[in-house]
Amino acid sequence: MFEKLKKNQAIEDYRRIWPYVKPYWGRALAALLITLPIGALDAIIALALKPFMDTVIVGQGGDTPFHLPLYIIPIFIISFTLIQAGLQYGGAYLNTWVGNKITIGLKKKLYHKLLHFEPAYLDKTTSGNVVYRFDGDPNTACSGLLNNLRVFATRIFSSISLVFVLFYTSWQLAIIAIFVLGGALYPLTRIRRRIKDIINRTVSVGGSVMTVYNETYAGAKTIASYNLQEYQERKFSDTLNLLFKLGIKHTQRTAWLSPMMHIIISIGIAAAIWYGSYLITSKTITAGDFVAFMTALLMLYTPIKNIGNNFNAVQLSLMAIERVFEILDTPITIKDKKDAIELPVIQNEIQFKDVSFEYISGKPVLEHINLTVRKGEKVALVGNSGGGKTTIVNLIPRFYEITDGSIQIDGHDIRDVSLESLRGQIAVVFQDNFLFSGTIRENVMLGKEDATEEEVRQALDCACLTDFINELDEGLDTFIGERGMLLSGGQKQRIAIARAFLKNAPIVILDEATSALDNKSEAIVQQAIDNLMQDRTVFVIAHRLSTIQNADKIVVINEGKIVEIGTHTELLAKKGAYESLYMAQFKGN
């Protein structure tokens, strides 16, 4: 039953990868067809030795094929070998071309999937695991599978032709050879089950190695400031040691294959020599028959002795294919409905109607949130850390899906509208905004790729960036490094604000956009934010209450619930949760 399931799984893997092979099937077929003459030529070389041995060495007489002179036989062998070499090169070239094209197709599909995964998926997946599985597995799946498929196809055709030579020269010895061959190949049927769990663990640990590299790169300053070099080295060393142990276990479970096959095949060769000697002395076969048989047998057995390594590589490729399609089969939970509509530009209000949310089932983060925000209002969300402020604003663009209730924009449930039209109306400025490797211009124009030079300049003015840009030798075309590492925190924030200006979305979310800045930078960024908030519906998460005193509405959130709503003056007069927060923050000022 297990073998049947393995076979069905392999067939399913090949069936599912076919759409990626189909555009290149002509070259893929050519690469496989080339293996036919490559394999068949082995038999011709072995068969050519029979008349040469009988006529020249032993002197038993007999005709050469097609009555050709004997000296032609060595020339034929060299010629056939040259033809084989040329065909092998052509097959390897076509195989590499097709393999790389299929790999690129799979990587594009996986990257498309990665781009559309909801944040909840990435919250549970390390960066190293993403690199290892989204980039490494397609390489292993395609290149390994196709290369070994070519090797197997060559050996299959070679084996078929060589088996024909075996039976042609001596059917008695051929029976022994085939029986031994079956015994040598039988252990291959046990490999997959023995290595699958180790390979899966190796993939996970391999992802951890990538994660350590990424963390070391991104957290270099933290590592230096806290003297964490030894800690990181221990962490990295422990991960490598675990990877080493898994590699040793994998070797323990697979390395016996080739030696075992070597022993079995050696027994077969010994049996063939012993019985062949008897057949020669009894005049059943000629010496030429025996030499041709042994040559064919050695040509058949020699690659078989090493086929364990190839078979192991094929299993690794098949398991990589399974992991690739495991990702592709992972459902995307936040996506458009089939009948999703385009969201019109907001005209009236945004409503939270009895909204509840939980990241982990049974552990609510938000409970029964009811809130109405009218068009053009500036709403500030305040409260203790971990109360759910950021979660609330993350639900508006559907970064996460609500558990109960609904969020509506002008009466349209956001789950009923297309994600593109919903997010097209929202601009988000985070506390730590992500900037892409490239220039300032490229990062700003992400807000609107077809923006004119005038629109870009206007966005820079509103974001208080013009003076800074004018001081740079390259101006807007200044390279800012990966994640904007060559910029200060305030400069990065203002570029993000300029990007939001250029997007010109009617709804703006500001998630503690100034909390990580010093006073001077905060003052400049706050001016840019004030410009951005004009004539827009704004949600502000602010740790510093001094920045939101002029908000139209302040919403106090505590432990996932709204405990107070009102203006700054109204909430102070209530002497409730907001007044406690305010007094705690400004005590002694």
Protein backbone atom coordinates (compact mmCIF):
# COMPACT_ATOMS: atom_id res chain seq x y z
CA MET A 1 0.00 0.00 0.00
CA PHE A 2 2.82 2.40 0.92
CA GLU A 3 4.61 1.76 -2.38
CA LYS A 4 1.38 2.40 -4.26
CA LEU A 5 0.91 5.71 -2.44
CA LYS A 6 4.48 6.72 -3.28
CA LYS A 7 3.91 5.90 -6.92
CA ASN A 8 0.65 7.85 -6.97
CA GLN A 9 2.38 10.81 -5.31
CA ALA A 10 5.17 10.78 -7.90
CA ILE A 11 2.61 10.68 -10.72
CA GLU A 12 0.72 13.55 -9.12
CA ASP A 13 3.95 15.57 -8.78
CA TYR A 14 4.75 15.10 -12.47
CA ARG A 15 1.16 15.92 -13.46
CA ARG A 16 1.16 19.16 -11.51
CA ILE A 17 4.51 20.32 -12.82
CA TRP A 18 3.44 19.69 -16.42
CA PRO A 19 1.92 23.19 -16.93
CA TYR A 20 5.37 24.63 -16.20
CA VAL A 21 7.01 22.20 -18.63
CA LYS A 22 4.40 22.60 -21.39
CA PRO A 23 5.72 25.88 -22.89
CA TYR A 24 9.09 24.20 -23.42
CA TRP A 25 7.93 20.64 -24.13
CA GLY A 26 9.61 20.58 -27.56
CA ARG A 27 13.07 21.13 -26.12
CA ALA A 28 12.32 18.93 -23.12
CA LEU A 29 11.28 16.10 -25.46
CA ALA A 30 14.40 16.61 -27.57
CA ALA A 31 16.55 16.38 -24.44
CA LEU A 32 14.92 13.06 -23.57
CA LEU A 33 15.02 11.67 -27.12
CA ILE A 34 18.73 12.36 -27.30
CA THR A 35 19.17 9.84 -24.49
CA LEU A 36 17.89 7.06 -26.79
CA PRO A 37 20.88 6.96 -29.15
CA ILE A 38 23.25 7.72 -26.25
CA GLY A 39 22.09 4.58 -24.49
CA ALA A 40 21.81 2.46 -27.64
CA LEU A 41 25.39 3.23 -28.68
CA ASP A 42 26.64 1.44 -25.55
CA ALA A 43 25.26 -1.80 -26.94
CA ILE A 44 26.93 -1.28 -30.32
CA ILE A 45 30.31 -0.81 -28.66
CA ALA A 46 29.86 -3.98 -26.58
CA LEU A 47 28.56 -6.00 -29.52
CA ALA A 48 31.48 -4.92 -31.74
CA LEU A 49 33.91 -6.75 -29.47
CA LYS A 50 32.48 -10.21 -30.25
CA PRO A 51 33.77 -10.58 -33.84
CA PHE A 52 36.98 -8.77 -32.95
CA MET A 53 37.65 -11.24 -30.10
CA ASP A 54 36.66 -14.35 -32.06
CA THR A 55 38.56 -13.42 -35.22
CA VAL A 56 41.69 -11.68 -33.97
CA ILE A 57 42.36 -12.81 -30.43
CA VAL A 58 41.08 -16.37 -30.37
CA GLY A 59 41.23 -17.03 -34.10
CA GLN A 60 37.91 -18.87 -34.29
CA GLY A 61 37.03 -17.10 -37.52
CA GLY A 62 33.69 -15.56 -38.34
CA ASP A 63 32.51 -12.49 -40.16
CA THR A 64 32.44 -8.95 -38.91
CA PRO A 65 29.15 -7.02 -39.20
CA PHE A 66 28.45 -6.14 -42.83
CA HIS A 67 31.69 -8.02 -43.77
CA LEU A 68 33.77 -4.94 -42.87
CA PRO A 69 37.54 -5.13 -42.36
CA LEU A 70 38.58 -5.76 -38.77
CA TYR A 71 40.56 -2.54 -38.52
CA ILE A 72 37.30 -0.66 -38.99
CA ILE A 73 35.97 -1.85 -35.61
CA PRO A 74 38.27 0.35 -33.45
CA ILE A 75 37.46 3.28 -35.71
CA PHE A 76 33.75 2.56 -35.23
CA ILE A 77 34.17 2.44 -31.46
CA ILE A 78 35.94 5.81 -31.43
CA SER A 79 33.38 7.28 -33.82
CA PHE A 80 30.44 6.05 -31.75
CA THR A 81 32.07 7.43 -28.60
CA LEU A 82 32.50 10.84 -30.24
CA ILE A 83 28.86 10.78 -31.32
CA GLN A 84 27.86 9.86 -27.76
CA ALA A 85 29.90 12.75 -26.35
CA GLY A 86 28.29 15.24 -28.74
CA LEU A 87 24.81 13.97 -27.94
CA GLN A 88 25.54 14.10 -24.20
CA TYR A 89 26.59 17.74 -24.52
CA GLY A 90 23.47 18.58 -26.50
CA GLY A 91 21.27 16.77 -23.99
CA ALA A 92 22.93 18.52 -21.04
CA TYR A 93 22.51 21.93 -22.72
CA LEU A 94 18.82 21.38 -23.54
CA ASN A 95 18.20 19.94 -20.09
CA THR A 96 19.79 22.95 -18.37
CA TRP A 97 17.88 25.39 -20.58
CA VAL A 98 14.53 23.72 -19.92
CA GLY A 99 15.29 23.22 -16.21
CA ASN A 100 16.14 26.88 -15.67
CA LYS A 101 13.05 28.02 -17.57
CA ILE A 102 10.81 25.77 -15.46
CA THR A 103 12.56 26.96 -12.29
CA ILE A 104 11.94 30.58 -13.26
CA GLY A 105 8.26 29.79 -13.89
CA LEU A 106 7.90 28.17 -10.48
CA LYS A 107 9.70 31.02 -8.73
CA LYS A 108 7.43 33.58 -10.40
CA LYS A 109 4.38 31.62 -9.28
CA LEU A 110 5.70 31.32 -5.73
CA TYR A 111 6.61 35.01 -5.59
CA HIS A 112 3.12 35.92 -6.80
CA LYS A 113 1.78 33.76 -3.98
CA LEU A 114 4.13 35.40 -1.48
CA LEU A 115 2.99 38.88 -2.52
CA HIS A 116 -0.65 37.96 -1.95
CA PHE A 117 -0.26 36.11 1.34
CA GLU A 118 -1.93 37.93 4.20
CA PRO A 119 0.31 39.32 6.99
CA ALA A 120 -0.92 36.56 9.31
CA TYR A 121 0.94 33.99 7.18
CA LEU A 122 4.17 35.97 7.26
CA ASP A 123 3.77 36.59 10.99
CA LYS A 124 4.32 32.84 11.48
CA THR A 125 7.07 32.40 8.87
CA THR A 126 10.69 33.46 9.28
CA SER A 127 12.53 35.33 6.54
CA GLY A 128 15.03 32.46 6.30
CA ASN A 129 12.26 29.95 5.75
CA VAL A 130 10.83 32.13 2.99
CA VAL A 131 14.20 32.31 1.21
CA TYR A 132 14.87 28.60 1.67
CA ARG A 133 11.48 27.40 0.46
CA PHE A 134 10.51 30.04 -2.07
CA ASP A 135 13.93 30.20 -3.75
CA GLY A 136 15.82 27.02 -2.84
CA ASP A 137 13.08 24.42 -3.33
CA PRO A 138 12.34 25.37 -6.97
CA ASN A 139 16.06 24.97 -7.74
CA THR A 140 16.15 21.55 -6.11
CA ALA A 141 12.85 20.52 -7.65
CA CYS A 142 13.55 21.39 -11.27
CA SER A 143 17.26 21.19 -11.88
CA GLY A 144 17.69 18.07 -9.76
CA LEU A 145 14.68 16.30 -11.17
CA LEU A 146 15.42 17.02 -14.83
CA ASN A 147 19.13 16.27 -14.56
CA ASN A 148 18.47 12.94 -12.90
CA LEU A 149 15.60 12.21 -15.26
CA ARG A 150 18.03 12.61 -18.15
CA VAL A 151 20.51 10.30 -16.41
CA PHE A 152 17.81 7.72 -15.76
CA ALA A 153 16.47 7.91 -19.30
CA THR A 154 19.97 7.42 -20.70
CA ARG A 155 20.54 4.45 -18.43
CA ILE A 156 17.16 2.95 -19.20
CA PHE A 157 17.79 3.03 -22.94
CA SER A 158 21.35 1.88 -22.37
CA SER A 159 20.14 -0.93 -20.10
CA ILE A 160 17.51 -2.10 -22.59
CA SER A 161 20.06 -2.26 -25.41
CA LEU A 162 22.68 -3.89 -23.20
CA VAL A 163 20.19 -6.47 -21.93
CA PHE A 164 19.51 -7.29 -25.59
CA VAL A 165 23.28 -7.88 -26.06
CA LEU A 166 23.31 -10.08 -22.95
CA PHE A 167 20.56 -12.33 -24.29
CA TYR A 168 22.05 -12.26 -27.78
CA THR A 169 25.42 -13.51 -26.57
CA SER A 170 24.22 -15.90 -23.84
CA TRP A 171 20.69 -16.27 -22.56
CA GLN A 172 21.92 -18.45 -19.68
CA LEU A 173 24.25 -15.76 -18.34
CA ALA A 174 21.65 -13.08 -19.05
CA ILE A 175 19.18 -14.73 -16.65
CA ILE A 176 21.79 -14.61 -13.87
CA ALA A 177 22.58 -10.97 -14.66
CA ILE A 178 18.92 -9.89 -14.62
CA PHE A 179 18.25 -11.72 -11.36
CA VAL A 180 21.21 -9.96 -9.69
CA LEU A 181 20.15 -6.62 -11.18
CA GLY A 182 16.71 -6.95 -9.57
CA GLY A 183 18.30 -7.70 -6.21
CA ALA A 184 20.56 -4.66 -6.52
CA LEU A 185 17.69 -2.29 -7.34
CA TYR A 186 15.29 -3.54 -4.64
CA PRO A 187 16.79 -1.41 -1.79
CA LEU A 188 15.86 1.73 -3.72
CA THR A 189 12.19 1.11 -2.89
CA ARG A 190 12.91 1.74 0.81
CA ILE A 191 14.69 5.06 0.59
CA ARG A 192 11.90 7.64 0.48
CA ARG A 193 10.30 6.60 3.76
CA ARG A 194 13.67 6.61 5.53
CA ILE A 195 14.69 10.14 4.55
CA LYS A 196 11.46 12.17 4.33
CA ASP A 197 11.33 13.27 7.97
CA ILE A 198 15.03 14.15 7.98
CA ILE A 199 14.72 16.22 4.81
CA ASN A 200 11.75 18.16 6.20
CA ARG A 201 13.70 18.92 9.39
CA THR A 202 16.74 19.90 7.34
CA VAL A 203 14.64 22.38 5.36
CA SER A 204 13.39 23.94 8.60
CA VAL A 205 16.87 24.20 10.12
CA GLY A 206 18.30 25.45 6.82
CA GLY A 207 15.73 28.23 6.96
CA SER A 208 16.94 29.06 10.48
CA VAL A 209 20.48 29.52 9.14
CA MET A 210 19.17 32.03 6.59
CA THR A 211 17.23 33.80 9.35
CA VAL A 212 20.39 34.22 11.44
CA TYR A 213 22.16 35.77 8.46
CA ASN A 214 19.23 38.14 7.87
CA GLU A 215 19.04 39.11 11.54
CA THR A 216 22.78 39.73 11.68
CA TYR A 217 22.56 42.00 8.65
CA ALA A 218 19.46 43.91 9.77
CA GLY A 219 20.44 44.04 13.45
CA ALA A 220 24.14 44.84 13.07
CA LYS A 221 23.93 47.98 15.22
CA THR A 222 21.94 46.24 17.95
CA ILE A 223 24.46 43.39 18.00
CA ALA A 224 27.33 45.85 18.28
CA SER A 225 25.72 48.06 20.92
CA TYR A 226 24.77 45.15 23.19
CA ASN A 227 28.00 43.20 22.53
CA LEU A 228 25.99 40.28 21.21
CA GLN A 229 28.72 38.88 18.97
CA GLU A 230 29.37 35.82 21.15
CA TYR A 231 25.63 35.26 21.63
CA GLN A 232 25.02 35.34 17.87
CA GLU A 233 28.01 33.07 17.24
CA ARG A 234 26.64 30.51 19.72
CA LYS A 235 23.22 30.73 18.11
CA PHE A 236 24.71 30.30 14.65
CA SER A 237 27.02 27.50 15.78
CA ASP A 238 24.14 25.61 17.44
CA THR A 239 22.11 25.87 14.26
CA LEU A 240 24.98 24.62 12.10
CA ASN A 241 25.65 21.74 14.51
CA LEU A 242 22.02 20.69 14.29
CA LEU A 243 22.22 20.90 10.50
CA PHE A 244 25.38 18.77 10.65
CA LYS A 245 23.66 16.11 12.77
CA LEU A 246 20.76 15.96 10.34
CA GLY A 247 23.21 15.63 7.45
CA ILE A 248 24.93 12.74 9.22
CA LYS A 249 21.58 11.04 9.86
CA HIS A 250 20.71 11.46 6.21
CA THR A 251 24.04 9.89 5.23
CA GLN A 252 23.50 7.03 7.69
CA ARG A 253 20.17 6.24 6.08
CA THR A 254 21.29 6.52 2.45
CA ALA A 255 25.06 6.01 2.15
CA TRP A 256 24.72 2.22 2.50
CA LEU A 257 22.88 2.05 -0.83
CA SER A 258 25.84 2.29 -3.19
CA PRO A 259 28.10 -0.10 -1.18
CA MET A 260 25.27 -2.61 -0.89
CA MET A 261 24.56 -2.42 -4.61
CA HIS A 262 28.29 -2.71 -5.29
CA ILE A 263 28.46 -5.95 -3.25
CA ILE A 264 25.40 -7.46 -4.93
CA ILE A 265 26.63 -6.55 -8.39
CA SER A 266 30.11 -7.93 -7.61
CA ILE A 267 28.45 -11.21 -6.71
CA GLY A 268 26.64 -11.10 -10.05
CA ILE A 269 29.86 -10.45 -11.97
CA ALA A 270 31.60 -13.28 -10.10
CA ALA A 271 28.72 -15.65 -10.88
CA ALA A 272 28.81 -14.63 -14.53
CA ILE A 273 32.57 -15.25 -14.74
CA TRP A 274 32.27 -18.63 -13.02
CA TYR A 275 29.36 -19.87 -15.11
CA GLY A 276 30.71 -18.21 -18.26
CA SER A 277 33.97 -20.14 -17.90
CA TYR A 278 31.99 -23.37 -17.80
CA LEU A 279 29.97 -22.39 -20.90
CA ILE A 280 33.18 -21.60 -22.82
CA THR A 281 34.84 -24.90 -21.91
CA SER A 282 31.67 -26.78 -22.84
CA LYS A 283 31.64 -24.97 -26.22
CA THR A 284 28.19 -23.52 -25.47
CA ILE A 285 29.43 -19.99 -26.15
CA THR A 286 32.53 -18.61 -27.81
CA ALA A 287 35.18 -16.48 -26.17
CA GLY A 288 33.90 -13.57 -28.25
CA ASP A 289 30.40 -14.15 -26.86
CA PHE A 290 31.82 -14.11 -23.34
CA VAL A 291 33.86 -10.92 -23.86
CA ALA A 292 30.91 -9.15 -25.48
CA PHE A 293 28.69 -10.37 -22.62
CA MET A 294 31.09 -9.24 -19.90
CA THR A 295 31.61 -5.87 -21.60
CA ALA A 296 27.84 -5.35 -21.80
CA LEU A 297 27.44 -6.56 -18.22
CA LEU A 298 30.08 -4.18 -16.89
CA MET A 299 28.60 -1.30 -18.91
CA LEU A 300 25.21 -2.20 -17.42
CA TYR A 301 26.35 -2.73 -13.84
CA THR A 302 28.86 0.12 -13.47
CA PRO A 303 26.29 2.97 -13.52
CA ILE A 304 23.86 0.84 -11.52
CA LYS A 305 26.36 0.73 -8.66
CA ASN A 306 26.12 4.51 -8.35
CA ILE A 307 22.43 4.82 -9.12
CA GLY A 308 21.69 4.99 -5.40
CA ASN A 309 23.09 8.52 -5.27
CA ASN A 310 21.02 9.54 -8.30
CA PHE A 311 17.91 7.94 -6.85
CA ASN A 312 18.49 9.76 -3.57
CA ALA A 313 18.77 13.04 -5.50
CA VAL A 314 15.52 12.26 -7.32
CA GLN A 315 13.77 11.71 -4.00
CA LEU A 316 15.08 15.06 -2.75
CA SER A 317 13.73 16.69 -5.91
CA LEU A 318 10.34 15.01 -5.58
CA MET A 319 10.06 16.12 -1.96
CA ALA A 320 11.04 19.65 -2.99
CA ILE A 321 8.22 19.56 -5.55
CA GLU A 322 5.83 18.48 -2.81
CA ARG A 323 6.94 21.43 -0.66
CA VAL A 324 6.56 23.82 -3.60
CA PHE A 325 3.00 22.72 -4.24
CA GLU A 326 2.30 22.69 -0.52
CA ILE A 327 2.95 26.44 -0.61
CA LEU A 328 0.97 26.92 -3.82
CA ASP A 329 -1.93 24.98 -2.27
CA THR A 330 -1.92 27.07 0.90
CA PRO A 331 -5.19 29.01 0.76
CA ILE A 332 -5.10 32.79 0.74
CA THR A 333 -7.75 33.76 3.27
CA ILE A 334 -7.92 37.47 2.47
CA LYS A 335 -8.90 37.82 -1.16
CA ASP A 336 -11.62 39.21 -3.38
CA LYS A 337 -15.01 37.58 -3.50
CA LYS A 338 -16.11 36.36 -6.91
CA ASP A 339 -18.71 39.14 -7.05
CA ALA A 340 -16.56 41.83 -5.41
CA ILE A 341 -17.42 45.38 -6.44
CA GLU A 342 -15.24 48.45 -6.87
CA LEU A 343 -15.40 50.69 -3.80
CA PRO A 344 -16.58 54.21 -4.69
CA VAL A 345 -14.65 57.15 -3.24
CA ILE A 346 -15.72 57.69 0.36
CA GLN A 347 -18.56 60.20 0.64
CA ASN A 348 -19.97 59.80 4.13
CA GLU A 349 -18.46 57.60 6.83
CA ILE A 350 -16.54 54.56 8.01
CA GLN A 351 -18.31 52.35 10.52
CA PHE A 352 -17.10 49.61 12.83
CA LYS A 353 -20.18 47.54 13.70
CA ASP A 354 -19.69 45.22 16.67
CA VAL A 355 -16.23 44.23 15.42
CA SER A 356 -14.30 41.51 17.22
CA PHE A 357 -10.95 40.07 16.26
CA GLU A 358 -8.48 37.45 17.44
CA TYR A 359 -5.07 36.45 16.11
CA ILE A 360 -5.28 33.10 17.89
CA SER A 361 -8.60 31.32 18.19
CA GLY A 362 -10.08 31.75 21.66
CA LYS A 363 -7.87 34.72 22.55
CA PRO A 364 -9.75 37.91 21.62
CA VAL A 365 -7.75 41.04 20.88
CA LEU A 366 -10.71 43.28 20.07
CA GLU A 367 -14.21 42.86 21.46
CA HIS A 368 -17.41 44.51 20.20
CA ILE A 369 -15.86 47.65 18.70
CA ASN A 370 -18.49 50.16 17.58
CA LEU A 371 -17.18 53.36 16.02
CA THR A 372 -18.35 55.82 13.37
CA VAL A 373 -15.86 58.12 11.64
CA ARG A 374 -17.28 60.70 9.28
CA LYS A 375 -15.56 61.83 6.13
CA GLY A 376 -12.88 64.43 6.88
CA GLU A 377 -12.69 63.66 10.61
CA LYS A 378 -9.38 63.26 12.42
CA VAL A 379 -9.70 60.38 14.86
CA ALA A 380 -6.99 59.59 17.39
CA LEU A 381 -6.67 56.14 18.97
CA VAL A 382 -4.96 56.17 22.35
CA GLY A 383 -4.48 53.76 25.21
CA ASN A 384 -1.97 51.54 26.95
CA SER A 385 0.45 49.45 24.87
CA GLY A 386 -1.05 46.19 23.65
CA GLY A 387 -4.61 47.51 23.95
CA GLY A 388 -5.46 46.96 20.27
CA LYS A 389 -4.95 50.37 18.66
CA THR A 390 -2.76 49.17 15.79
CA THR A 391 -4.97 46.14 15.30
CA ILE A 392 -8.00 48.37 14.71
CA VAL A 393 -6.35 50.37 11.92
CA ASN A 394 -4.86 47.19 10.39
CA LEU A 395 -8.39 45.87 9.92
CA ILE A 396 -9.44 48.80 7.69
CA PRO A 397 -7.25 47.85 4.69
CA ARG A 398 -7.91 44.17 5.49
CA PHE A 399 -4.38 43.28 6.53
CA TYR A 400 -6.24 40.89 8.80
CA GLU A 401 -9.79 39.55 8.58
CA ILE A 402 -12.22 40.40 11.36
CA THR A 403 -13.64 37.54 13.41
CA ASP A 404 -17.12 38.98 13.96
CA GLY A 405 -19.07 42.07 12.99
CA SER A 406 -18.36 44.25 9.97
CA ILE A 407 -16.44 47.32 8.83
CA GLN A 408 -18.34 49.42 6.32
CA ILE A 409 -17.40 52.38 4.13
CA ASP A 410 -20.52 54.25 3.02
CA GLY A 411 -22.55 51.11 3.74
CA HIS A 412 -20.24 48.78 1.74
CA ASP A 413 -18.80 45.94 3.79
CA ILE A 414 -15.07 46.01 3.05
CA ARG A 415 -15.19 42.22 2.47
CA ASP A 416 -17.57 42.81 -0.44
CA VAL A 417 -15.28 45.19 -2.34
CA SER A 418 -12.08 44.45 -4.23
CA LEU A 419 -8.86 44.70 -2.26
CA GLU A 420 -7.30 46.90 -4.92
CA SER A 421 -10.10 49.47 -4.79
CA LEU A 422 -10.16 49.38 -0.97
CA ARG A 423 -6.42 49.79 -0.48
CA GLY A 424 -6.29 52.30 -3.31
CA GLN A 425 -8.23 54.68 -1.05
CA ILE A 426 -5.95 54.23 1.96
CA ALA A 427 -2.44 55.57 2.59
CA VAL A 428 -0.53 54.25 5.60
CA VAL A 429 2.45 55.85 7.32
CA PHE A 430 3.95 53.42 9.80
CA GLN A 431 6.25 54.01 12.75
CA ASP A 432 9.06 52.22 10.89
CA ASN A 433 8.33 52.71 7.21
CA PHE A 434 9.87 50.34 4.74
CA LEU A 435 11.91 51.92 1.98
CA PHE A 436 13.10 49.86 -0.97
CA SER A 437 16.64 49.74 -2.26
CA GLY A 438 16.90 52.42 -4.92
CA THR A 439 16.66 56.19 -5.18
CA ILE A 440 14.51 58.73 -3.35
CA ARG A 441 12.57 59.30 -6.57
CA GLU A 442 11.79 55.62 -6.98
CA ASN A 443 10.54 55.33 -3.40
CA VAL A 444 8.38 58.44 -3.56
CA MET A 445 6.87 57.49 -6.92
CA LEU A 446 5.64 54.17 -5.51
CA GLY A 447 2.67 56.28 -4.43
CA LYS A 448 1.90 56.99 -8.10
CA GLU A 449 4.12 55.45 -10.73
CA ASP A 450 2.97 57.78 -13.52
CA ALA A 451 3.27 60.98 -11.47
CA THR A 452 4.52 64.07 -13.25
CA GLU A 453 7.59 65.97 -12.13
CA GLU A 454 5.34 68.73 -10.82
CA GLU A 455 3.30 66.28 -8.74
CA VAL A 456 6.49 64.82 -7.27
CA ARG A 457 7.79 68.29 -6.40
CA GLN A 458 4.50 69.20 -4.77
CA ALA A 459 4.59 66.02 -2.67
CA LEU A 460 8.13 66.83 -1.58
CA ASP A 461 7.10 70.36 -0.58
CA CYS A 462 4.18 69.08 1.47
CA ALA A 463 6.43 66.50 3.14
CA CYS A 464 8.97 69.19 4.05
CA LEU A 465 11.64 67.44 1.96
CA THR A 466 12.53 70.06 -0.65
CA ASP A 467 15.38 71.68 1.29
CA PHE A 468 16.89 68.32 2.12
CA ILE A 469 16.68 67.15 -1.51
CA ASN A 470 18.29 70.37 -2.76
CA GLU A 471 21.30 69.76 -0.49
CA LEU A 472 22.04 66.39 -2.12
CA ASP A 473 24.44 66.18 -5.05
CA GLU A 474 22.20 63.70 -6.85
CA GLY A 475 18.95 65.26 -5.64
CA LEU A 476 15.97 62.98 -6.11
CA ASP A 477 18.18 60.38 -7.77
CA THR A 478 20.26 59.86 -4.61
CA PHE A 479 20.66 56.16 -3.77
CA ILE A 480 19.41 55.49 -0.23
CA GLY A 481 20.65 51.95 0.36
CA GLU A 482 18.73 48.84 1.37
CA ARG A 483 15.79 49.74 3.62
CA GLY A 484 16.91 53.39 3.39
CA MET A 485 19.89 52.75 5.66
CA LEU A 486 21.70 55.88 4.44
CA LEU A 487 18.92 58.13 5.77
CA SER A 488 17.97 59.32 9.24
CA GLY A 489 14.71 58.28 10.85
CA GLY A 490 13.07 61.63 10.17
CA GLN A 491 14.16 61.61 6.53
CA LYS A 492 12.74 58.15 6.03
CA GLN A 493 9.47 59.21 7.60
CA ARG A 494 9.18 62.24 5.35
CA ILE A 495 9.85 60.14 2.24
CA ALA A 496 7.05 57.83 3.37
CA ILE A 497 4.81 60.86 3.87
CA ALA A 498 5.71 62.17 0.41
CA ARG A 499 4.78 58.76 -0.98
CA ALA A 500 1.42 59.00 0.79
CA PHE A 501 0.92 62.54 -0.56
CA LEU A 502 1.52 61.32 -4.09
CA LYS A 503 -0.97 58.50 -3.64
CA ASN A 504 -3.53 61.15 -2.68
CA ALA A 505 -5.77 58.66 -0.88
CA PRO A 506 -8.87 60.00 0.88
CA ILE A 507 -8.19 57.88 3.99
CA VAL A 508 -4.90 58.17 5.88
CA ILE A 509 -3.64 55.95 8.67
CA LEU A 510 -0.79 57.24 10.84
CA ASP A 511 0.57 54.51 13.10
CA GLU A 512 2.76 56.27 15.68
CA ALA A 513 4.57 58.01 12.83
CA THR A 514 6.61 60.29 15.11
CA SER A 515 7.13 58.21 18.25
CA ALA A 516 10.65 57.05 17.31
CA LEU A 517 11.97 60.53 16.45
CA ASP A 518 13.85 63.13 18.44
CA ASN A 519 12.19 66.48 19.19
CA LYS A 520 13.73 68.32 16.24
CA SER A 521 12.87 65.61 13.72
CA GLU A 522 9.43 65.19 15.25
CA ALA A 523 8.64 68.87 14.75
CA ILE A 524 9.51 68.69 11.04
CA VAL A 525 7.70 65.40 10.50
CA GLN A 526 4.67 66.64 12.43
CA GLN A 527 4.43 69.62 10.07
CA ALA A 528 4.51 67.19 7.14
CA ILE A 529 1.82 65.10 8.81
CA ASP A 530 -0.35 68.14 9.41
CA ASN A 531 -0.11 68.89 5.69
CA LEU A 532 -1.00 65.31 4.84
CA MET A 533 -4.07 65.29 7.08
CA GLN A 534 -5.74 68.24 5.41
CA ASP A 535 -9.05 67.38 3.72
CA ARG A 536 -8.69 63.68 4.48
CA THR A 537 -10.25 61.16 6.83
CA VAL A 538 -7.47 60.35 9.25
CA PHE A 539 -6.82 57.65 11.84
CA VAL A 540 -3.95 58.56 14.16
CA ILE A 541 -2.29 56.26 16.65
CA ALA A 542 -0.24 58.45 18.93
CA HIS A 543 1.76 57.70 22.02
CA ARG A 544 2.42 61.38 22.67
CA LEU A 545 -0.94 62.87 23.57
CA SER A 546 0.29 66.39 22.84
CA THR A 547 0.14 65.59 19.11
CA ILE A 548 -3.56 64.68 19.04
CA GLN A 549 -5.21 67.32 21.23
CA ASN A 550 -6.83 68.93 18.19
CA ALA A 551 -8.33 65.68 16.91
CA ASP A 552 -12.06 65.77 16.15
CA LYS A 553 -12.50 62.58 18.10
CA ILE A 554 -10.29 60.73 20.57
CA VAL A 555 -10.99 57.04 21.12
CA VAL A 556 -9.55 55.45 24.26
CA ILE A 557 -8.91 51.71 23.89
CA ASN A 558 -8.13 49.45 26.82
CA GLU A 559 -7.70 45.65 26.62
CA GLY A 560 -9.43 45.44 23.27
CA LYS A 561 -12.45 47.53 24.16
CA ILE A 562 -13.46 51.16 23.62
CA VAL A 563 -13.78 52.72 27.04
CA GLU A 564 -14.15 56.41 26.11
CA ILE A 565 -14.86 58.60 23.06
CA GLY A 566 -14.81 62.39 22.92
CA THR A 567 -12.70 65.47 22.27
CA HIS A 568 -9.66 66.32 24.32
CA THR A 569 -11.61 68.77 26.47
CA GLU A 570 -14.58 66.46 26.95
CA LEU A 571 -12.42 63.51 27.99
CA LEU A 572 -10.40 65.54 30.47
CA ALA A 573 -13.64 66.72 32.04
CA LYS A 574 -14.78 63.11 32.48
CA LYS A 575 -11.73 62.41 34.63
CA GLY A 576 -11.65 58.85 33.37
CA ALA A 577 -9.14 56.70 31.47
CA TYR A 578 -7.98 59.49 29.12
CA GLU A 579 -7.44 61.93 31.97
CA SER A 580 -5.32 59.28 33.76
CA LEU A 581 -3.20 58.76 30.65
CA TYR A 582 -2.82 62.49 30.15
CA MET A 583 -1.84 63.23 33.74
CA ALA A 584 0.62 60.32 33.80
CA GLN A 585 2.33 61.59 30.63
CA PHE A 586 2.48 65.26 31.61
CA LYS A 587 3.16 64.88 35.32
CA GLY A 588 5.94 67.20 36.32
CA ASN A 589 5.84 69.22 33.06
